[in-house]
PDB file of N, CA and C in Angstrom:
ATOM      1  N   UNK A   1       0.839  -1.172   0.000  1.00  0.00           N
ATOM      2  CA  UNK A   1       0.000   0.000   0.000  1.00  0.00           C
ATOM      3  C   UNK A   1       0.883   1.235   0.000  1.00  0.00           C
ATOM      4  N   UNK A   2       0.353   2.316  -0.544  1.00  0.00           N
ATOM      5  CA  UNK A   2       1.067   3.587  -0.572  1.00  0.00           C
ATOM      6  C   UNK A   2       0.071   4.711  -0.322  1.00  0.00           C
ATOM      7  N   UNK A   3       0.586   5.804   0.171  1.00  0.00           N
ATOM      8  CA  UNK A   3      -0.227   6.996   0.409  1.00  0.00           C
ATOM      9  C   UNK A   3       0.555   8.185  -0.127  1.00  0.00           C
ATOM     10  N   UNK A   4      -0.086   8.977  -0.973  1.00  0.00           N
ATOM     11  CA  UNK A   4       0.550  10.205  -1.451  1.00  0.00           C
ATOM     12  C   UNK A   4       0.586  11.213  -0.307  1.00  0.00           C
ATOM     13  N   UNK A   5       1.684  11.967  -0.223  1.00  0.00           N
ATOM     14  CA  UNK A   5       1.872  12.943   0.849  1.00  0.00           C
ATOM     15  C   UNK A   5       2.143  14.306   0.234  1.00  0.00           C
ATOM     16  N   UNK A   6       1.449  15.335   0.747  1.00  0.00           N
ATOM     17  CA  UNK A   6       1.700  16.717   0.353  1.00  0.00           C
ATOM     18  C   UNK A   6       2.096  17.487   1.610  1.00  0.00           C
ATOM     19  N   UNK A   7       3.238  18.152   1.547  1.00  0.00           N
ATOM     20  CA  UNK A   7       3.694  18.954   2.682  1.00  0.00           C
ATOM     21  C   UNK A   7       3.731  20.415   2.253  1.00  0.00           C
ATOM     22  N   UNK A   8       3.133  21.271   3.063  1.00  0.00           N
ATOM     23  CA  UNK A   8       3.139  22.707   2.806  1.00  0.00           C
ATOM     24  C   UNK A   8       3.343  23.411   4.146  1.00  0.00           C
ATOM     25  N   UNK A   9       4.508  23.997   4.326  1.00  0.00           N
ATOM     26  CA  UNK A   9       4.804  24.642   5.604  1.00  0.00           C
ATOM     27  C   UNK A   9       4.851  23.616   6.711  1.00  0.00           C
ATOM     28  N   UNK A  10       4.054  23.833   7.737  1.00  0.00           N
ATOM     29  CA  UNK A  10       3.988  22.897   8.873  1.00  0.00           C
ATOM     30  C   UNK A  10       2.877  21.868   8.723  1.00  0.00           C
ATOM     31  N   UNK A  11       2.111  21.926   7.628  1.00  0.00           N
ATOM     32  CA  UNK A  11       0.974  21.023   7.434  1.00  0.00           C
ATOM     33  C   UNK A  11       1.357  19.859   6.520  1.00  0.00           C
ATOM     34  N   UNK A  12       0.773  18.727   6.804  1.00  0.00           N
ATOM     35  CA  UNK A  12       0.971  17.530   5.983  1.00  0.00           C
ATOM     36  C   UNK A  12      -0.402  16.980   5.631  1.00  0.00           C
ATOM     37  N   UNK A  13      -0.635  16.740   4.345  1.00  0.00           N
ATOM     38  CA  UNK A  13      -1.884  16.137   3.907  1.00  0.00           C
ATOM     39  C   UNK A  13      -1.598  14.740   3.373  1.00  0.00           C
ATOM     40  N   UNK A  14      -2.363  13.778   3.863  1.00  0.00           N
ATOM     41  CA  UNK A  14      -2.220  12.391   3.420  1.00  0.00           C
ATOM     42  C   UNK A  14      -3.325  12.061   2.439  1.00  0.00           C
ATOM     43  N   UNK A  15      -2.963  11.439   1.325  1.00  0.00           N
ATOM     44  CA  UNK A  15      -3.943  11.041   0.324  1.00  0.00           C
ATOM     45  C   UNK A  15      -4.623   9.736   0.702  1.00  0.00           C
ATOM     46  N   UNK A  16      -5.402   9.229  -0.213  1.00  0.00           N
ATOM     47  CA  UNK A  16      -6.121   7.966  -0.010  1.00  0.00           C
ATOM     48  C   UNK A  16      -5.146   6.807  -0.235  1.00  0.00           C
ATOM     49  N   UNK A  17      -5.105   5.823   0.669  1.00  0.00           N
ATOM     50  CA  UNK A  17      -4.222   4.664   0.447  1.00  0.00           C
ATOM     51  C   UNK A  17      -4.609   3.926  -0.835  1.00  0.00           C
ATOM     52  N   UNK A  18      -3.594   3.472  -1.574  1.00  0.00           N
ATOM     53  CA  UNK A  18      -3.854   2.687  -2.780  1.00  0.00           C
ATOM     54  C   UNK A  18      -2.858   1.534  -2.863  1.00  0.00           C
ATOM     55  N   UNK A  19      -3.312   0.477  -3.515  1.00  0.00           N
ATOM     56  CA  UNK A  19      -2.506  -0.737  -3.639  1.00  0.00           C
ATOM     57  C   UNK A  19      -1.410  -0.532  -4.678  1.00  0.00           C
ATOM     58  N   UNK A  20      -0.176  -0.908  -4.338  1.00  0.00           N
ATOM     59  CA  UNK A  20       0.934  -0.812  -5.285  1.00  0.00           C
ATOM     60  C   UNK A  20       0.948  -2.001  -6.240  1.00  0.00           C
ATOM     61  N   UNK A  21       0.739  -3.210  -5.705  1.00  0.00           N
ATOM     62  CA  UNK A  21       0.745  -4.416  -6.514  1.00  0.00           C
ATOM     63  C   UNK A  21       0.137  -5.545  -5.692  1.00  0.00           C
ATOM     64  N   UNK A  22      -0.204  -6.642  -6.362  1.00  0.00           N
ATOM     65  CA  UNK A  22      -0.746  -7.817  -5.686  1.00  0.00           C
ATOM     66  C   UNK A  22       0.307  -8.911  -5.671  1.00  0.00           C
ATOM     67  N   UNK A  23       0.359  -9.645  -4.584  1.00  0.00           N
ATOM     68  CA  UNK A  23       1.295 -10.751  -4.479  1.00  0.00           C
ATOM     69  C   UNK A  23       0.748 -11.777  -3.499  1.00  0.00           C
ATOM     70  N   UNK A  24       1.267 -12.971  -3.598  1.00  0.00           N
ATOM     71  CA  UNK A  24       0.971 -14.019  -2.625  1.00  0.00           C
ATOM     72  C   UNK A  24       2.248 -14.192  -1.820  1.00  0.00           C
ATOM     73  N   UNK A  25       2.161 -13.925  -0.540  1.00  0.00           N
ATOM     74  CA  UNK A  25       3.365 -14.049   0.278  1.00  0.00           C
ATOM     75  C   UNK A  25       3.269 -15.271   1.181  1.00  0.00           C
ATOM     76  N   UNK A  26       4.408 -15.733   1.599  1.00  0.00           N
ATOM     77  CA  UNK A  26       4.508 -16.876   2.501  1.00  0.00           C
ATOM     78  C   UNK A  26       4.973 -16.348   3.845  1.00  0.00           C
ATOM     79  N   UNK A  27       4.194 -16.591   4.879  1.00  0.00           N
ATOM     80  CA  UNK A  27       4.572 -16.117   6.208  1.00  0.00           C
ATOM     81  C   UNK A  27       5.732 -16.947   6.737  1.00  0.00           C
ATOM     82  N   UNK A  28       6.819 -16.276   7.023  1.00  0.00           N
ATOM     83  CA  UNK A  28       7.998 -16.940   7.565  1.00  0.00           C
ATOM     84  C   UNK A  28       8.474 -16.176   8.776  1.00  0.00           C
ATOM     85  N   UNK A  29       9.296 -16.800   9.582  1.00  0.00           N
ATOM     86  CA  UNK A  29       9.750 -16.166  10.819  1.00  0.00           C
ATOM     87  C   UNK A  29      10.641 -14.959  10.595  1.00  0.00           C
ATOM     88  N   UNK A  30      11.216 -14.795   9.414  1.00  0.00           N
ATOM     89  CA  UNK A  30      12.126 -13.683   9.171  1.00  0.00           C
ATOM     90  C   UNK A  30      11.544 -12.642   8.225  1.00  0.00           C
ATOM     91  N   UNK A  31      10.248 -12.568   8.082  1.00  0.00           N
ATOM     92  CA  UNK A  31       9.607 -11.506   7.318  1.00  0.00           C
ATOM     93  C   UNK A  31       9.161 -11.918   5.935  1.00  0.00           C
ATOM     94  N   UNK A  32       8.214 -11.161   5.395  1.00  0.00           N
ATOM     95  CA  UNK A  32       7.664 -11.482   4.082  1.00  0.00           C
ATOM     96  C   UNK A  32       8.213 -10.591   2.984  1.00  0.00           C
ATOM     97  N   UNK A  33       8.796  -9.432   3.349  1.00  0.00           N
ATOM     98  CA  UNK A  33       9.346  -8.547   2.324  1.00  0.00           C
ATOM     99  C   UNK A  33      10.402  -7.625   2.921  1.00  0.00           C
ATOM    100  N   UNK A  34      11.148  -6.980   2.040  1.00  0.00           N
ATOM    101  CA  UNK A  34      12.101  -5.948   2.436  1.00  0.00           C
ATOM    102  C   UNK A  34      12.195  -4.976   1.269  1.00  0.00           C
ATOM    103  N   UNK A  35      12.811  -3.847   1.498  1.00  0.00           N
ATOM    104  CA  UNK A  35      12.979  -2.825   0.474  1.00  0.00           C
ATOM    105  C   UNK A  35      14.476  -2.643   0.232  1.00  0.00           C
ATOM    106  N   UNK A  36      14.874  -2.498  -1.032  1.00  0.00           N
ATOM    107  CA  UNK A  36      16.289  -2.300  -1.327  1.00  0.00           C
ATOM    108  C   UNK A  36      16.775  -0.983  -0.734  1.00  0.00           C
ATOM    109  N   UNK A  37      18.075  -0.867  -0.555  1.00  0.00           N
ATOM    110  CA  UNK A  37      18.672   0.308   0.068  1.00  0.00           C
ATOM    111  C   UNK A  37      18.347   1.613  -0.638  1.00  0.00           C
ATOM    112  N   UNK A  38      18.170   1.566  -1.967  1.00  0.00           N
ATOM    113  CA  UNK A  38      17.845   2.786  -2.698  1.00  0.00           C
ATOM    114  C   UNK A  38      16.347   3.096  -2.688  1.00  0.00           C
ATOM    115  N   UNK A  39      15.539   2.207  -2.086  1.00  0.00           N
ATOM    116  CA  UNK A  39      14.101   2.434  -1.979  1.00  0.00           C
ATOM    117  C   UNK A  39      13.329   2.256  -3.275  1.00  0.00           C
ATOM    118  N   UNK A  40      13.948   1.689  -4.303  1.00  0.00           N
ATOM    119  CA  UNK A  40      13.302   1.567  -5.606  1.00  0.00           C
ATOM    120  C   UNK A  40      12.679   0.210  -5.882  1.00  0.00           C
ATOM    121  N   UNK A  41      13.037  -0.816  -5.094  1.00  0.00           N
ATOM    122  CA  UNK A  41      12.536  -2.163  -5.360  1.00  0.00           C
ATOM    123  C   UNK A  41      12.123  -2.843  -4.062  1.00  0.00           C
ATOM    124  N   UNK A  42      11.163  -3.764  -4.192  1.00  0.00           N
ATOM    125  CA  UNK A  42      10.749  -4.613  -3.089  1.00  0.00           C
ATOM    126  C   UNK A  42      11.302  -6.009  -3.324  1.00  0.00           C
ATOM    127  N   UNK A  43      11.749  -6.653  -2.272  1.00  0.00           N
ATOM    128  CA  UNK A  43      12.163  -8.052  -2.322  1.00  0.00           C
ATOM    129  C   UNK A  43      11.082  -8.842  -1.598  1.00  0.00           C
ATOM    130  N   UNK A  44      10.418  -9.736  -2.310  1.00  0.00           N
ATOM    131  CA  UNK A  44       9.301 -10.485  -1.746  1.00  0.00           C
ATOM    132  C   UNK A  44       9.698 -11.913  -1.429  1.00  0.00           C
ATOM    133  N   UNK A  45       9.330 -12.353  -0.257  1.00  0.00           N
ATOM    134  CA  UNK A  45       9.591 -13.718   0.181  1.00  0.00           C
ATOM    135  C   UNK A  45       8.347 -14.535  -0.137  1.00  0.00           C
ATOM    136  N   UNK A  46       8.271 -15.026  -1.361  1.00  0.00           N
ATOM    137  CA  UNK A  46       7.077 -15.758  -1.791  1.00  0.00           C
ATOM    138  C   UNK A  46       7.429 -17.158  -2.246  1.00  0.00           C
ATOM    139  N   UNK A  47       8.348 -17.799  -1.559  1.00  0.00           N
ATOM    140  CA  UNK A  47       8.834 -19.109  -1.948  1.00  0.00           C
ATOM    141  C   UNK A  47       7.810 -20.207  -1.841  1.00  0.00           C
ATOM    142  N   UNK A  48       8.177 -21.340  -2.348  1.00  0.00           N
ATOM    143  CA  UNK A  48       7.336 -22.523  -2.372  1.00  0.00           C
ATOM    144  C   UNK A  48       7.645 -23.359  -1.138  1.00  0.00           C
ATOM    145  N   UNK A  49       6.640 -23.637  -0.327  1.00  0.00           N
ATOM    146  CA  UNK A  49       6.856 -24.412   0.896  1.00  0.00           C
ATOM    147  C   UNK A  49       6.479 -25.882   0.744  1.00  0.00           C
ATOM    148  N   UNK A  50       6.260 -26.347  -0.490  1.00  0.00           N
ATOM    149  CA  UNK A  50       5.917 -27.749  -0.696  1.00  0.00           C
ATOM    150  C   UNK A  50       7.077 -28.633  -0.247  1.00  0.00           C
ATOM    151  N   UNK A  51       6.723 -29.755   0.347  1.00  0.00           N
ATOM    152  CA  UNK A  51       7.749 -30.703   0.782  1.00  0.00           C
ATOM    153  C   UNK A  51       8.511 -31.204  -0.432  1.00  0.00           C
ATOM    154  N   UNK A  52       9.827 -31.220  -0.324  1.00  0.00           N
ATOM    155  CA  UNK A  52      10.658 -31.704  -1.406  1.00  0.00           C
ATOM    156  C   UNK A  52      10.981 -30.656  -2.453  1.00  0.00           C
ATOM    157  N   UNK A  53      10.590 -29.417  -2.217  1.00  0.00           N
ATOM    158  CA  UNK A  53      10.895 -28.355  -3.186  1.00  0.00           C
ATOM    159  C   UNK A  53      12.410 -28.152  -3.262  1.00  0.00           C
ATOM    160  N   UNK A  54      12.892 -27.792  -4.426  1.00  0.00           N
ATOM    161  CA  UNK A  54      14.318 -27.569  -4.625  1.00  0.00           C
ATOM    162  C   UNK A  54      14.782 -26.337  -3.851  1.00  0.00           C
ATOM    163  N   UNK A  55      15.951 -26.406  -3.212  1.00  0.00           N
ATOM    164  CA  UNK A  55      16.466 -25.237  -2.495  1.00  0.00           C
ATOM    165  C   UNK A  55      16.993 -24.190  -3.477  1.00  0.00           C
ATOM    166  N   UNK A  56      17.060 -22.964  -3.021  1.00  0.00           N
ATOM    167  CA  UNK A  56      17.631 -21.886  -3.828  1.00  0.00           C
ATOM    168  C   UNK A  56      19.132 -21.850  -3.603  1.00  0.00           C
ATOM    169  N   UNK A  57      19.890 -21.692  -4.673  1.00  0.00           N
ATOM    170  CA  UNK A  57      21.341 -21.593  -4.571  1.00  0.00           C
ATOM    171  C   UNK A  57      21.760 -20.182  -4.955  1.00  0.00           C
ATOM    172  N   UNK A  58      22.494 -19.537  -4.076  1.00  0.00           N
ATOM    173  CA  UNK A  58      22.999 -18.196  -4.323  1.00  0.00           C
ATOM    174  C   UNK A  58      24.494 -18.285  -4.548  1.00  0.00           C
ATOM    175  N   UNK A  59      24.962 -17.837  -5.709  1.00  0.00           N
ATOM    176  CA  UNK A  59      26.383 -17.885  -6.030  1.00  0.00           C
ATOM    177  C   UNK A  59      26.935 -16.472  -5.915  1.00  0.00           C
ATOM    178  N   UNK A  60      27.874 -16.286  -5.009  1.00  0.00           N
ATOM    179  CA  UNK A  60      28.516 -14.996  -4.811  1.00  0.00           C
ATOM    180  C   UNK A  60      29.813 -14.936  -5.605  1.00  0.00           C
ATOM    181  N   UNK A  61      30.158 -13.766  -6.074  1.00  0.00           N
ATOM    182  CA  UNK A  61      31.399 -13.538  -6.811  1.00  0.00           C
ATOM    183  C   UNK A  61      31.541 -14.473  -8.013  1.00  0.00           C
ATOM    184  N   UNK A  62      30.434 -14.683  -8.733  1.00  0.00           N
ATOM    185  CA  UNK A  62      30.453 -15.629  -9.850  1.00  0.00           C
ATOM    186  C   UNK A  62      31.380 -15.210 -10.976  1.00  0.00           C
ATOM    187  N   UNK A  63      31.628 -13.906 -11.237  1.00  0.00           N
ATOM    188  CA  UNK A  63      32.570 -13.575 -12.313  1.00  0.00           C
ATOM    189  C   UNK A  63      33.961 -14.154 -12.086  1.00  0.00           C
ATOM    190  N   UNK A  64      34.405 -14.226 -10.824  1.00  0.00           N
ATOM    191  CA  UNK A  64      35.713 -14.809 -10.526  1.00  0.00           C
ATOM    192  C   UNK A  64      35.726 -16.298 -10.845  1.00  0.00           C
ATOM    193  N   UNK A  65      34.609 -16.977 -10.632  1.00  0.00           N
ATOM    194  CA  UNK A  65      34.516 -18.409 -10.950  1.00  0.00           C
ATOM    195  C   UNK A  65      34.553 -18.637 -12.462  1.00  0.00           C
ATOM    196  N   UNK A  66      33.955 -17.744 -13.225  1.00  0.00           N
ATOM    197  CA  UNK A  66      33.931 -17.876 -14.682  1.00  0.00           C
ATOM    198  C   UNK A  66      35.337 -17.745 -15.249  1.00  0.00           C
ATOM    199  N   UNK A  67      36.166 -16.892 -14.646  1.00  0.00           N
ATOM    200  CA  UNK A  67      37.519 -16.659 -15.128  1.00  0.00           C
ATOM    201  C   UNK A  67      38.430 -17.860 -14.906  1.00  0.00           C
ATOM    202  N   UNK A  68      38.084 -18.777 -14.013  1.00  0.00           N
ATOM    203  CA  UNK A  68      38.949 -19.932 -13.717  1.00  0.00           C
ATOM    204  C   UNK A  68      39.009 -20.899 -14.864  1.00  0.00           C
TER     205      UNK A  68
END
């Protein structure tokens, strides 16, 4: 959800809340979403909780591995 904000002097006016996007999230102990440091993107935790689902693999510094 988002709300438009107008500030004029010492007054603040809040607009009507509106939906940014729809998603199906998975409730987990470490949160369902986060926002990137620049505030431009959302990271959604919407993984598959089915038994036997494949794990996610994160490869760090992959360009160095390609050079080998």
